[in-house]
Amino acid sequence: MSMKVNKFASALALLTGVVFILTGCSLLPREEGALKPPLVKPVKENFELYEVKKGNLTKKASLVGTFKSSQTTNYYFKESDHRLKAMHIKLGDTVKPGDVLAELEVGDLETRIALQKLNLEKAQIASLQTQQTDPNQTYEARLKKIDVEAAQLQLSSLQEQLGKTRLKADRAGIVTYVTDMQEGSVVEAFGTLVTLSDPNKLQLSYESSDSGALTGIEVGMNVDVKIGNSDKIVQGKVLQTPSSAPLTTNKALAERNAKTIIASVPEGTEAVQIGGSGDMTIIIEKHDNVLVIPRTGLRSYLGRDYVQVLEGESRKEIDVEKGLVTPTEVEIRTGLKEGQNVILNN
């Protein structure tokens, strides 16, 4: 009997364990299924657009020039191996005809001239005495006259030598260049020591660091000139461009001419002076009633010019032919029409 009870007890215990295991499993939390990704609404692109329209397009050059004289004269000595005694002028001085600009050392030349004047006077007195005491002595009177002529020739030669040691202005003007040679320096023949400029014949000169910036400017074009800080504007003309500059064998001058514009101003214009400045505006090209877009709307790649336009909510590339180009705008000759929206390139 006890044996049956033990078997029953064992069977009951086993059954209870199974029930407990099954019950324990039901107490654990159920595993949730994988969450589906949320639906993300695509971000709409923001375009900076420009509506294509017609307008006027002007290409111009804005330059700041310096007033220089169109008539200048260089002064120099014609003989070498003399020493500079003194410069009598400085930069910016106004001189008159006859003013001494510079002079050379003369040694005893002035003393020799003084002595020769005395010799001439002696010869003249002797000649006069001969004529008064014996007017019939033809030969003696002639010899005395020859002495006078010889003394005069010698004096003239010495005075001419003295004249060559003094550099004199032959016209009025303003000193725009003075050599930096020091007193006592040996002077070379034909080396410019002083330049005089006529203040009544002025031009505007502009020298660019980039000759390409002057492309399109031609002789005869109108130039609006604003003088200094005033609001006054006068009209001049382009007189010289890199392409019209005269040929020269001077390398430095040729290089300067290759990047220089010269323009006229009306003679007698007020407030104009040598060394002053003037703002020049030159209209190079003008196109009216053409399609115009900002330059930021034009794209280029490997020689291809194109734009992007917005059609609905999509971009579309269109090849275009550009025309006149300014720093901020560009003319579109073909490829676009009025009303299209061009996407600007930020």
Protein backbone atom coordinates (compact mmCIF):
# COMPACT_ATOMS: atom_id res chain seq x y z
CA MET A 1 0.00 0.00 0.00
CA SER A 2 2.80 2.35 0.97
CA MET A 3 4.46 1.63 -2.32
CA LYS A 4 1.36 2.85 -4.23
CA VAL A 5 1.26 6.00 -2.09
CA ASN A 6 4.88 6.76 -2.94
CA LYS A 7 4.30 6.30 -6.65
CA PHE A 8 1.27 8.52 -6.45
CA ALA A 9 3.21 11.17 -4.59
CA SER A 10 6.02 11.11 -7.17
CA ALA A 11 3.58 11.39 -10.04
CA LEU A 12 1.83 14.32 -8.35
CA ALA A 13 5.12 16.11 -7.74
CA LEU A 14 6.13 15.68 -11.36
CA LEU A 15 2.80 16.98 -12.57
CA THR A 16 3.01 19.96 -10.23
CA GLY A 17 6.51 20.82 -11.59
CA VAL A 18 5.31 20.70 -15.15
CA VAL A 19 2.32 22.92 -14.31
CA PHE A 20 4.65 25.34 -12.48
CA ILE A 21 7.04 25.55 -15.47
CA LEU A 22 4.15 26.17 -17.85
CA THR A 23 2.66 28.75 -15.51
CA GLY A 24 6.08 30.46 -15.04
CA CYS A 25 6.51 30.79 -18.80
CA SER A 26 3.17 32.53 -19.05
CA LEU A 27 4.30 35.14 -16.47
CA LEU A 28 7.25 36.42 -18.68
CA PRO A 29 6.49 39.48 -20.82
CA ARG A 30 5.68 38.78 -24.43
CA GLU A 31 8.26 39.89 -26.99
CA GLU A 32 6.94 42.84 -29.06
CA GLY A 33 7.21 42.84 -32.84
CA ALA A 34 9.81 45.16 -34.63
CA LEU A 35 8.65 48.76 -34.98
CA LYS A 36 8.10 50.05 -38.50
CA PRO A 37 10.21 53.14 -39.46
CA PRO A 38 8.28 56.41 -39.26
CA LEU A 39 7.21 58.05 -42.48
CA VAL A 40 9.57 61.07 -43.17
CA LYS A 41 8.21 63.84 -45.33
CA PRO A 42 10.93 64.87 -47.88
CA VAL A 43 12.38 68.36 -47.34
CA LYS A 44 11.44 70.73 -50.11
CA GLU A 45 14.47 72.48 -51.72
CA ASN A 46 14.63 76.23 -51.38
CA PHE A 47 15.77 77.93 -54.56
CA GLU A 48 16.80 81.52 -55.07
CA LEU A 49 15.07 82.32 -58.32
CA TYR A 50 15.29 85.12 -60.84
CA GLU A 51 12.60 85.74 -63.40
CA VAL A 52 14.08 86.28 -66.85
CA LYS A 53 13.20 89.68 -68.30
CA LYS A 54 14.46 92.24 -70.78
CA GLY A 55 16.55 95.25 -69.87
CA ASN A 56 19.43 97.49 -70.90
CA LEU A 57 22.99 96.35 -70.32
CA THR A 58 26.01 98.65 -70.27
CA LYS A 59 29.64 97.65 -70.04
CA LYS A 60 31.82 100.47 -68.77
CA ALA A 61 35.27 101.07 -67.39
CA SER A 62 35.67 103.13 -64.22
CA LEU A 63 39.24 104.34 -63.84
CA VAL A 64 41.09 106.89 -61.70
CA GLY A 65 43.62 108.83 -63.73
CA THR A 66 46.32 111.39 -62.95
CA PHE A 67 46.59 114.75 -64.71
CA LYS A 68 49.81 115.14 -66.67
CA SER A 69 50.92 117.76 -69.16
CA SER A 70 50.79 116.89 -72.83
CA GLN A 71 53.63 119.34 -73.49
CA THR A 72 56.85 118.69 -71.61
CA THR A 73 60.43 119.79 -72.21
CA ASN A 74 63.54 117.99 -70.96
CA TYR A 75 66.63 120.02 -70.11
CA TYR A 76 70.16 118.64 -70.20
CA PHE A 77 73.79 119.63 -70.84
CA LYS A 78 75.30 118.69 -74.18
CA GLU A 79 78.86 118.06 -72.97
CA SER A 80 80.20 115.46 -70.54
CA ASP A 81 82.98 115.53 -67.93
CA HIS A 82 81.79 118.69 -66.17
CA ARG A 83 80.81 118.80 -62.52
CA LEU A 84 77.43 119.95 -61.26
CA LYS A 85 77.73 123.17 -59.27
CA ALA A 86 74.09 123.75 -58.23
CA MET A 87 70.42 123.08 -58.96
CA HIS A 88 68.40 126.27 -58.69
CA ILE A 89 64.90 124.80 -58.74
CA LYS A 90 62.92 122.10 -56.94
CA LEU A 91 60.00 119.87 -57.83
CA GLY A 92 56.77 121.83 -58.27
CA ASP A 93 58.42 125.23 -58.85
CA THR A 94 56.95 127.56 -61.46
CA VAL A 95 59.62 129.03 -63.75
CA LYS A 96 59.72 131.77 -66.39
CA PRO A 97 61.66 131.93 -69.66
CA GLY A 98 65.29 132.76 -68.93
CA ASP A 99 65.35 131.36 -65.40
CA VAL A 100 68.54 129.40 -64.60
CA LEU A 101 67.65 125.81 -63.73
CA ALA A 102 71.13 124.39 -63.07
CA GLU A 103 74.77 125.29 -63.58
CA LEU A 104 78.16 123.61 -63.81
CA GLU A 105 81.50 124.37 -62.21
CA VAL A 106 83.28 126.98 -64.36
CA GLY A 107 86.74 127.15 -62.82
CA ASP A 108 88.45 130.41 -63.79
CA LEU A 109 86.23 131.00 -66.82
CA GLU A 110 84.56 134.10 -65.36
CA THR A 111 87.98 135.64 -64.57
CA ARG A 112 89.15 134.97 -68.12
CA ILE A 113 86.04 136.65 -69.47
CA ALA A 114 86.68 139.71 -67.31
CA LEU A 115 90.27 139.91 -68.52
CA GLN A 116 89.21 139.49 -72.13
CA LYS A 117 86.75 142.37 -71.79
CA LEU A 118 89.70 144.53 -70.72
CA ASN A 119 91.74 143.32 -73.70
CA LEU A 120 88.89 144.22 -76.00
CA GLU A 121 88.61 147.66 -74.49
CA LYS A 122 92.37 148.24 -74.91
CA ALA A 123 92.17 147.18 -78.56
CA GLN A 124 89.24 149.51 -79.16
CA ILE A 125 91.10 152.47 -77.59
CA ALA A 126 94.23 151.78 -79.64
CA SER A 127 92.19 151.60 -82.82
CA LEU A 128 90.42 154.86 -82.03
CA GLN A 129 93.75 156.62 -81.32
CA THR A 130 95.20 155.49 -84.63
CA GLN A 131 92.23 156.84 -86.54
CA GLN A 132 92.43 160.20 -84.76
CA THR A 133 96.22 160.80 -85.05
CA ASP A 134 96.83 159.65 -88.58
CA PRO A 135 93.64 158.91 -90.54
CA ASN A 136 95.64 158.39 -93.77
CA GLN A 137 97.67 155.48 -92.44
CA THR A 138 95.35 152.90 -93.92
CA TYR A 139 97.39 149.83 -93.02
CA GLU A 140 97.99 150.82 -89.41
CA ALA A 141 94.31 151.60 -88.86
CA ARG A 142 93.31 148.27 -90.36
CA LEU A 143 95.70 146.36 -88.10
CA LYS A 144 94.18 148.01 -85.03
CA LYS A 145 90.70 147.10 -86.23
CA ILE A 146 91.83 143.48 -86.65
CA ASP A 147 93.04 143.51 -83.04
CA VAL A 148 89.59 144.69 -81.97
CA GLU A 149 87.84 141.96 -83.99
CA ALA A 150 90.15 139.26 -82.59
CA ALA A 151 89.56 140.39 -79.03
CA GLN A 152 85.81 140.41 -79.65
CA LEU A 153 85.89 136.87 -81.07
CA GLN A 154 87.84 135.59 -78.09
CA LEU A 155 85.39 137.24 -75.70
CA SER A 156 82.41 135.80 -77.55
CA SER A 157 83.97 132.32 -77.40
CA LEU A 158 84.49 132.56 -73.66
CA GLN A 159 80.97 133.88 -73.11
CA GLU A 160 79.59 131.00 -75.18
CA GLN A 161 81.49 128.54 -72.99
CA LEU A 162 80.00 130.19 -69.91
CA GLY A 163 76.54 129.98 -71.44
CA LYS A 164 76.95 126.22 -71.88
CA THR A 165 77.49 125.85 -68.15
CA ARG A 166 74.05 127.31 -67.35
CA LEU A 167 70.84 125.49 -68.08
CA LYS A 168 68.10 128.06 -68.77
CA ALA A 169 64.37 127.66 -69.30
CA ASP A 170 63.21 128.69 -72.77
CA ARG A 171 59.54 128.69 -71.77
CA ALA A 172 57.30 128.99 -68.74
CA GLY A 173 56.20 125.85 -66.93
CA ILE A 174 56.08 123.78 -63.78
CA VAL A 175 59.00 121.60 -62.72
CA THR A 176 57.75 118.00 -62.80
CA TYR A 177 61.12 116.25 -62.61
CA VAL A 178 64.46 117.08 -60.98
CA THR A 179 67.53 114.84 -60.98
CA ASP A 180 68.74 113.45 -57.68
CA MET A 181 72.38 114.12 -58.61
CA GLN A 182 74.41 115.76 -55.87
CA GLU A 183 76.57 118.87 -56.26
CA GLY A 184 80.02 117.91 -57.51
CA SER A 185 78.79 114.89 -59.47
CA VAL A 186 80.08 114.44 -63.02
CA VAL A 187 77.38 115.25 -65.56
CA GLU A 188 76.78 113.06 -68.60
CA ALA A 189 75.88 114.63 -71.93
CA PHE A 190 72.14 114.58 -72.78
CA GLY A 191 71.15 113.13 -69.40
CA THR A 192 67.89 114.79 -68.34
CA LEU A 193 68.28 116.95 -65.25
CA VAL A 194 64.98 118.86 -65.30
CA THR A 195 61.58 118.45 -66.95
CA LEU A 196 59.21 121.40 -67.39
CA SER A 197 55.52 120.84 -68.07
CA ASP A 198 52.97 123.26 -69.50
CA PRO A 199 50.18 123.51 -66.88
CA ASN A 200 47.66 124.69 -69.46
CA LYS A 201 47.82 121.57 -71.63
CA LEU A 202 46.72 118.70 -69.41
CA GLN A 203 45.60 115.13 -70.06
CA LEU A 204 44.40 112.29 -67.87
CA SER A 205 46.66 109.25 -67.76
CA TYR A 206 45.71 105.87 -66.29
CA GLU A 207 48.18 103.01 -65.99
CA SER A 208 46.66 99.60 -65.27
CA SER A 209 48.35 96.67 -63.57
CA ASP A 210 46.42 94.42 -65.96
CA SER A 211 46.36 95.35 -69.66
CA GLY A 212 43.37 93.03 -70.13
CA ALA A 213 41.26 95.40 -68.06
CA LEU A 214 41.52 97.94 -70.90
CA THR A 215 40.17 95.62 -73.59
CA GLY A 216 37.47 97.26 -75.69
CA ILE A 217 38.55 100.85 -75.06
CA GLU A 218 39.22 102.64 -78.34
CA VAL A 219 40.53 106.02 -79.45
CA GLY A 220 37.72 108.56 -79.80
CA MET A 221 35.40 107.11 -77.17
CA ASN A 222 33.72 109.65 -74.87
CA VAL A 223 35.05 109.93 -71.33
CA ASP A 224 33.06 111.40 -68.45
CA VAL A 225 35.57 112.97 -66.07
CA LYS A 226 34.77 113.83 -62.46
CA ILE A 227 37.32 116.28 -61.06
CA GLY A 228 38.64 115.55 -57.57
CA ASN A 229 36.02 115.65 -54.81
CA SER A 230 33.65 117.94 -56.70
CA ASP A 231 30.47 116.81 -58.41
CA LYS A 232 31.43 118.55 -61.62
CA ILE A 233 31.69 116.28 -64.66
CA VAL A 234 33.29 117.28 -67.96
CA GLN A 235 33.49 115.26 -71.13
CA GLY A 236 36.73 114.33 -72.82
CA LYS A 237 37.91 111.84 -75.41
CA VAL A 238 40.19 108.81 -75.40
CA LEU A 239 43.41 109.92 -77.09
CA GLN A 240 45.63 106.85 -76.72
CA THR A 241 45.18 103.16 -75.93
CA PRO A 242 47.68 100.29 -75.75
CA SER A 243 46.89 99.39 -79.37
CA SER A 244 47.31 102.95 -80.68
CA ALA A 245 50.46 103.89 -78.76
CA PRO A 246 53.38 104.97 -80.99
CA LEU A 247 56.11 102.43 -81.62
CA THR A 248 59.26 102.92 -79.61
CA THR A 249 62.57 101.13 -79.08
CA ASN A 250 62.58 102.22 -75.44
CA LYS A 251 61.60 99.00 -73.62
CA ALA A 252 60.42 100.71 -70.43
CA LEU A 253 58.26 103.17 -72.39
CA ALA A 254 56.82 100.38 -74.54
CA GLU A 255 55.84 98.38 -71.44
CA ARG A 256 54.19 101.45 -69.92
CA ASN A 257 52.28 102.25 -73.12
CA ALA A 258 51.00 98.66 -73.24
CA LYS A 259 48.88 99.27 -70.13
CA THR A 260 48.11 103.00 -70.34
CA ILE A 261 45.03 104.98 -71.35
CA ILE A 262 45.30 108.72 -72.09
CA ALA A 263 42.23 110.95 -72.26
CA SER A 264 41.71 114.63 -72.96
CA VAL A 265 39.86 117.21 -70.88
CA PRO A 266 38.58 120.55 -72.18
CA GLU A 267 41.29 123.21 -72.02
CA GLY A 268 40.71 125.65 -69.20
CA THR A 269 38.73 123.23 -67.02
CA GLU A 270 38.65 124.59 -63.47
CA ALA A 271 40.27 122.79 -60.54
CA VAL A 272 42.53 120.80 -62.86
CA GLN A 273 46.22 120.76 -61.99
CA ILE A 274 49.28 118.65 -62.65
CA GLY A 275 49.37 115.68 -60.29
CA GLY A 276 45.65 115.93 -59.45
CA SER A 277 43.24 113.06 -59.98
CA GLY A 278 40.11 112.54 -62.04
CA ASP A 279 37.56 109.72 -62.12
CA MET A 280 37.09 108.45 -65.67
CA THR A 281 33.99 106.60 -66.86
CA ILE A 282 34.16 105.13 -70.36
CA ILE A 283 31.13 103.44 -71.97
CA ILE A 284 32.66 100.50 -73.82
CA GLU A 285 29.48 98.79 -75.06
CA LYS A 286 25.72 99.14 -74.56
CA HIS A 287 22.89 96.74 -75.51
CA ASP A 288 19.26 97.80 -75.11
CA ASN A 289 16.14 95.62 -74.73
CA VAL A 290 17.95 92.30 -74.31
CA LEU A 291 17.42 89.32 -72.00
CA VAL A 292 19.43 89.87 -68.84
CA ILE A 293 20.14 87.63 -65.84
CA PRO A 294 22.49 87.98 -62.86
CA ARG A 295 25.95 86.50 -63.42
CA THR A 296 25.27 84.12 -60.54
CA GLY A 297 22.65 82.47 -62.74
CA LEU A 298 25.14 81.53 -65.46
CA ARG A 299 27.10 78.31 -65.01
CA SER A 300 30.09 77.18 -67.06
CA TYR A 301 31.85 73.85 -67.32
CA LEU A 302 34.49 72.80 -69.84
CA GLY A 303 33.53 75.56 -72.25
CA ARG A 304 29.82 74.94 -71.89
CA ASP A 305 27.55 77.80 -70.78
CA TYR A 306 24.25 76.78 -69.25
CA VAL A 307 21.61 77.72 -66.68
CA GLN A 308 19.32 75.77 -64.39
CA VAL A 309 15.63 76.62 -64.52
CA LEU A 310 12.82 75.51 -62.26
CA GLU A 311 10.00 73.58 -63.93
CA GLY A 312 7.38 72.59 -61.38
CA GLU A 313 9.52 71.33 -58.53
CA SER A 314 12.36 70.02 -60.68
CA ARG A 315 15.61 71.49 -61.96
CA LYS A 316 16.34 71.51 -65.66
CA GLU A 317 19.60 72.44 -67.39
CA ILE A 318 19.46 74.58 -70.53
CA ASP A 319 22.42 75.49 -72.75
CA VAL A 320 22.61 79.22 -73.51
CA GLU A 321 24.62 81.64 -75.62
CA LYS A 322 25.89 84.59 -73.64
CA GLY A 323 26.41 88.07 -75.04
CA LEU A 324 27.61 91.17 -73.24
CA VAL A 325 29.01 90.44 -69.78
CA THR A 326 29.41 92.96 -66.95
CA PRO A 327 30.67 92.36 -63.40
CA THR A 328 27.10 91.73 -62.17
CA GLU A 329 24.94 90.82 -65.18
CA VAL A 330 25.05 88.88 -68.41
CA GLU A 331 23.11 89.08 -71.65
CA ILE A 332 21.50 85.82 -72.85
CA ARG A 333 21.19 85.68 -76.61
CA THR A 334 19.64 82.23 -77.03
CA GLY A 335 18.32 79.45 -74.80
CA LEU A 336 15.98 81.39 -72.53
CA LYS A 337 12.78 83.35 -72.85
CA GLU A 338 11.04 85.92 -70.72
CA GLY A 339 9.22 84.63 -67.66
CA GLN A 340 11.36 81.57 -67.02
CA ASN A 341 12.72 81.18 -63.51
CA VAL A 342 16.49 80.79 -63.38
CA ILE A 343 18.03 79.19 -60.29
CA LEU A 344 20.83 81.35 -58.98
CA ASN A 345 24.09 79.72 -58.04
CA ASN A 346 24.63 80.47 -54.35
